[in-house]
Amino acid sequence: MNILSNAVKYTPQYGQIKIDICEKELRKGVGLYRFIFEDNGRGMTPEFLK
């Protein structure tokens, strides 16, 4: 939820947010999912990432 919240918060009006959810095969009766979030918001500066 935090990733989605940040995408909404930092993506400008008329920007794009894409969410891709893929169900992978079961492992020992447990569901496994892959979530991919993409947006065209402002992102983080290289200095912040360090």
PDB file of N, CA and C in Angstrom:
ATOM      1  N   MET A   1       0.828  -1.189   0.000  1.00  0.00           N
ATOM      2  CA  MET A   1       0.000   0.000   0.000  1.00  0.00           C
ATOM      3  C   MET A   1       0.873   1.254   0.000  1.00  0.00           C
ATOM      4  N   ASN A   2       2.014   1.202   0.672  1.00  0.00           N
ATOM      5  CA  ASN A   2       2.885   2.375   0.723  1.00  0.00           C
ATOM      6  C   ASN A   2       3.405   2.738  -0.662  1.00  0.00           C
ATOM      7  N   ILE A   3       3.770   1.734  -1.460  1.00  0.00           N
ATOM      8  CA  ILE A   3       4.262   2.013  -2.817  1.00  0.00           C
ATOM      9  C   ILE A   3       3.172   2.689  -3.644  1.00  0.00           C
ATOM     10  N   LEU A   4       1.963   2.176  -3.577  1.00  0.00           N
ATOM     11  CA  LEU A   4       0.850   2.755  -4.332  1.00  0.00           C
ATOM     12  C   LEU A   4       0.529   4.157  -3.828  1.00  0.00           C
ATOM     13  N   SER A   5       0.538   4.348  -2.522  1.00  0.00           N
ATOM     14  CA  SER A   5       0.267   5.657  -1.935  1.00  0.00           C
ATOM     15  C   SER A   5       1.282   6.692  -2.425  1.00  0.00           C
ATOM     16  N   ASN A   6       2.566   6.319  -2.445  1.00  0.00           N
ATOM     17  CA  ASN A   6       3.592   7.246  -2.921  1.00  0.00           C
ATOM     18  C   ASN A   6       3.436   7.542  -4.403  1.00  0.00           C
ATOM     19  N   ALA A   7       3.069   6.545  -5.183  1.00  0.00           N
ATOM     20  CA  ALA A   7       2.860   6.773  -6.613  1.00  0.00           C
ATOM     21  C   ALA A   7       1.754   7.795  -6.830  1.00  0.00           C
ATOM     22  N   VAL A   8       0.671   7.678  -6.086  1.00  0.00           N
ATOM     23  CA  VAL A   8      -0.444   8.627  -6.209  1.00  0.00           C
ATOM     24  C   VAL A   8      -0.016  10.013  -5.730  1.00  0.00           C
ATOM     25  N   LYS A   9       0.712  10.050  -4.631  1.00  0.00           N
ATOM     26  CA  LYS A   9       1.115  11.322  -4.029  1.00  0.00           C
ATOM     27  C   LYS A   9       2.084  12.111  -4.920  1.00  0.00           C
ATOM     28  N   TYR A  10       3.007  11.429  -5.584  1.00  0.00           N
ATOM     29  CA  TYR A  10       4.070  12.119  -6.306  1.00  0.00           C
ATOM     30  C   TYR A  10       3.943  12.096  -7.830  1.00  0.00           C
ATOM     31  N   THR A  11       2.849  11.564  -8.341  1.00  0.00           N
ATOM     32  CA  THR A  11       2.603  11.599  -9.777  1.00  0.00           C
ATOM     33  C   THR A  11       1.731  12.812 -10.082  1.00  0.00           C
ATOM     34  N   PRO A  12       2.153  13.633 -11.048  1.00  0.00           N
ATOM     35  CA  PRO A  12       1.400  14.861 -11.321  1.00  0.00           C
ATOM     36  C   PRO A  12       0.028  14.573 -11.930  1.00  0.00           C
ATOM     37  N   GLN A  13      -0.822  15.592 -11.919  1.00  0.00           N
ATOM     38  CA  GLN A  13      -2.138  15.471 -12.539  1.00  0.00           C
ATOM     39  C   GLN A  13      -1.952  15.053 -13.997  1.00  0.00           C
ATOM     40  N   TYR A  14      -2.766  14.149 -14.458  1.00  0.00           N
ATOM     41  CA  TYR A  14      -2.720  13.558 -15.795  1.00  0.00           C
ATOM     42  C   TYR A  14      -1.485  12.672 -15.999  1.00  0.00           C
ATOM     43  N   GLY A  15      -0.762  12.342 -14.918  1.00  0.00           N
ATOM     44  CA  GLY A  15       0.348  11.403 -15.006  1.00  0.00           C
ATOM     45  C   GLY A  15      -0.189   9.985 -15.136  1.00  0.00           C
ATOM     46  N   GLN A  16       0.720   9.032 -15.158  1.00  0.00           N
ATOM     47  CA  GLN A  16       0.308   7.642 -15.316  1.00  0.00           C
ATOM     48  C   GLN A  16       0.868   6.783 -14.191  1.00  0.00           C
ATOM     49  N   ILE A  17       0.029   5.880 -13.707  1.00  0.00           N
ATOM     50  CA  ILE A  17       0.428   4.873 -12.733  1.00  0.00           C
ATOM     51  C   ILE A  17      -0.011   3.528 -13.292  1.00  0.00           C
ATOM     52  N   LYS A  18       0.914   2.596 -13.374  1.00  0.00           N
ATOM     53  CA  LYS A  18       0.605   1.263 -13.897  1.00  0.00           C
ATOM     54  C   LYS A  18       0.910   0.234 -12.813  1.00  0.00           C
ATOM     55  N   ILE A  19      -0.030  -0.670 -12.587  1.00  0.00           N
ATOM     56  CA  ILE A  19       0.148  -1.747 -11.622  1.00  0.00           C
ATOM     57  C   ILE A  19      -0.083  -3.065 -12.348  1.00  0.00           C
ATOM     58  N   ASP A  20       0.886  -3.952 -12.265  1.00  0.00           N
ATOM     59  CA  ASP A  20       0.782  -5.266 -12.888  1.00  0.00           C
ATOM     60  C   ASP A  20       0.892  -6.311 -11.781  1.00  0.00           C
ATOM     61  N   ILE A  21      -0.118  -7.150 -11.660  1.00  0.00           N
ATOM     62  CA  ILE A  21      -0.127  -8.204 -10.641  1.00  0.00           C
ATOM     63  C   ILE A  21      -0.226  -9.537 -11.359  1.00  0.00           C
ATOM     64  N   CYS A  22       0.711 -10.418 -11.058  1.00  0.00           N
ATOM     65  CA  CYS A  22       0.764 -11.711 -11.726  1.00  0.00           C
ATOM     66  C   CYS A  22       0.774 -12.817 -10.667  1.00  0.00           C
ATOM     67  N   GLU A  23      -0.148 -13.755 -10.796  1.00  0.00           N
ATOM     68  CA  GLU A  23      -0.169 -14.897  -9.886  1.00  0.00           C
ATOM     69  C   GLU A  23       0.785 -15.958 -10.412  1.00  0.00           C
ATOM     70  N   LYS A  24       1.745 -16.328  -9.589  1.00  0.00           N
ATOM     71  CA  LYS A  24       2.710 -17.360  -9.949  1.00  0.00           C
ATOM     72  C   LYS A  24       2.159 -18.714  -9.488  1.00  0.00           C
ATOM     73  N   GLU A  25       2.880 -19.770  -9.741  1.00  0.00           N
ATOM     74  CA  GLU A  25       2.384 -21.082  -9.342  1.00  0.00           C
ATOM     75  C   GLU A  25       2.457 -21.253  -7.818  1.00  0.00           C
ATOM     76  N   LEU A  26       1.539 -22.059  -7.304  1.00  0.00           N
ATOM     77  CA  LEU A  26       1.487 -22.327  -5.865  1.00  0.00           C
ATOM     78  C   LEU A  26       2.738 -23.055  -5.403  1.00  0.00           C
ATOM     79  N   ARG A  27       3.154 -22.733  -4.194  1.00  0.00           N
ATOM     80  CA  ARG A  27       4.276 -23.440  -3.568  1.00  0.00           C
ATOM     81  C   ARG A  27       3.820 -23.932  -2.204  1.00  0.00           C
ATOM     82  N   LYS A  28       3.694 -25.238  -2.099  1.00  0.00           N
ATOM     83  CA  LYS A  28       3.249 -25.854  -0.846  1.00  0.00           C
ATOM     84  C   LYS A  28       1.941 -25.256  -0.354  1.00  0.00           C
ATOM     85  N   GLY A  29       1.020 -25.003  -1.287  1.00  0.00           N
ATOM     86  CA  GLY A  29      -0.304 -24.500  -0.937  1.00  0.00           C
ATOM     87  C   GLY A  29      -0.354 -23.019  -0.618  1.00  0.00           C
ATOM     88  N   VAL A  30       0.730 -22.291  -0.870  1.00  0.00           N
ATOM     89  CA  VAL A  30       0.786 -20.859  -0.574  1.00  0.00           C
ATOM     90  C   VAL A  30       0.794 -20.084  -1.887  1.00  0.00           C
ATOM     91  N   GLY A  31      -0.050 -19.068  -1.984  1.00  0.00           N
ATOM     92  CA  GLY A  31      -0.094 -18.239  -3.181  1.00  0.00           C
ATOM     93  C   GLY A  31       1.140 -17.369  -3.296  1.00  0.00           C
ATOM     94  N   LEU A  32       1.617 -17.197  -4.512  1.00  0.00           N
ATOM     95  CA  LEU A  32       2.799 -16.385  -4.766  1.00  0.00           C
ATOM     96  C   LEU A  32       2.430 -15.388  -5.859  1.00  0.00           C
ATOM     97  N   TYR A  33       2.642 -14.104  -5.588  1.00  0.00           N
ATOM     98  CA  TYR A  33       2.261 -13.056  -6.522  1.00  0.00           C
ATOM     99  C   TYR A  33       3.443 -12.132  -6.784  1.00  0.00           C
ATOM    100  N   ARG A  34       3.483 -11.584  -8.000  1.00  0.00           N
ATOM    101  CA  ARG A  34       4.484 -10.581  -8.352  1.00  0.00           C
ATOM    102  C   ARG A  34       3.742  -9.277  -8.612  1.00  0.00           C
ATOM    103  N   PHE A  35       4.175  -8.203  -7.939  1.00  0.00           N
ATOM    104  CA  PHE A  35       3.593  -6.880  -8.105  1.00  0.00           C
ATOM    105  C   PHE A  35       4.629  -5.977  -8.763  1.00  0.00           C
ATOM    106  N   ILE A  36       4.237  -5.295  -9.839  1.00  0.00           N
ATOM    107  CA  ILE A  36       5.110  -4.333 -10.495  1.00  0.00           C
ATOM    108  C   ILE A  36       4.374  -2.997 -10.539  1.00  0.00           C
ATOM    109  N   PHE A  37       5.014  -1.965 -10.005  1.00  0.00           N
ATOM    110  CA  PHE A  37       4.445  -0.624  -9.986  1.00  0.00           C
ATOM    111  C   PHE A  37       5.313   0.273 -10.860  1.00  0.00           C
ATOM    112  N   GLU A  38       4.690   1.035 -11.737  1.00  0.00           N
ATOM    113  CA  GLU A  38       5.399   2.002 -12.567  1.00  0.00           C
ATOM    114  C   GLU A  38       4.615   3.302 -12.556  1.00  0.00           C
ATOM    115  N   ASP A  39       5.338   4.422 -12.492  1.00  0.00           N
ATOM    116  CA  ASP A  39       4.678   5.714 -12.600  1.00  0.00           C
ATOM    117  C   ASP A  39       5.635   6.706 -13.237  1.00  0.00           C
ATOM    118  N   ASN A  40       5.107   7.847 -13.633  1.00  0.00           N
ATOM    119  CA  ASN A  40       5.958   8.883 -14.196  1.00  0.00           C
ATOM    120  C   ASN A  40       6.012  10.097 -13.278  1.00  0.00           C
ATOM    121  N   GLY A  41       6.011   9.807 -11.982  1.00  0.00           N
ATOM    122  CA  GLY A  41       6.158  10.856 -10.977  1.00  0.00           C
ATOM    123  C   GLY A  41       7.583  11.361 -10.932  1.00  0.00           C
ATOM    124  N   ARG A  42       7.859  12.256  -9.997  1.00  0.00           N
ATOM    125  CA  ARG A  42       9.164  12.924  -9.976  1.00  0.00           C
ATOM    126  C   ARG A  42      10.306  12.019  -9.541  1.00  0.00           C
ATOM    127  N   GLY A  43      10.033  10.935  -8.831  1.00  0.00           N
ATOM    128  CA  GLY A  43      11.082   9.999  -8.434  1.00  0.00           C
ATOM    129  C   GLY A  43      11.989  10.541  -7.340  1.00  0.00           C
ATOM    130  N   MET A  44      13.088   9.838  -7.119  1.00  0.00           N
ATOM    131  CA  MET A  44      14.054  10.221  -6.087  1.00  0.00           C
ATOM    132  C   MET A  44      15.348  10.682  -6.742  1.00  0.00           C
ATOM    133  N   THR A  45      15.964  11.677  -6.156  1.00  0.00           N
ATOM    134  CA  THR A  45      17.245  12.159  -6.689  1.00  0.00           C
ATOM    135  C   THR A  45      18.337  11.132  -6.445  1.00  0.00           C
ATOM    136  N   PRO A  46      19.375  11.124  -7.272  1.00  0.00           N
ATOM    137  CA  PRO A  46      20.500  10.202  -7.043  1.00  0.00           C
ATOM    138  C   PRO A  46      21.135  10.392  -5.662  1.00  0.00           C
ATOM    139  N   GLU A  47      21.163  11.638  -5.175  1.00  0.00           N
ATOM    140  CA  GLU A  47      21.723  11.901  -3.849  1.00  0.00           C
ATOM    141  C   GLU A  47      20.902  11.233  -2.753  1.00  0.00           C
ATOM    142  N   PHE A  48      19.580  11.258  -2.895  1.00  0.00           N
ATOM    143  CA  PHE A  48      18.713  10.614  -1.898  1.00  0.00           C
ATOM    144  C   PHE A  48      18.922   9.107  -1.903  1.00  0.00           C
ATOM    145  N   LEU A  49      19.097   8.527  -3.082  1.00  0.00           N
ATOM    146  CA  LEU A  49      19.264   7.075  -3.188  1.00  0.00           C
ATOM    147  C   LEU A  49      20.531   6.584  -2.492  1.00  0.00           C
ATOM    148  N   LYS A  50      21.575   7.438  -2.466  1.00  0.00           N
ATOM    149  CA  LYS A  50      22.811   7.065  -1.784  1.00  0.00           C
ATOM    150  C   LYS A  50      22.578   6.932  -0.304  1.00  0.00           C
TER     151      LYS A  50
END
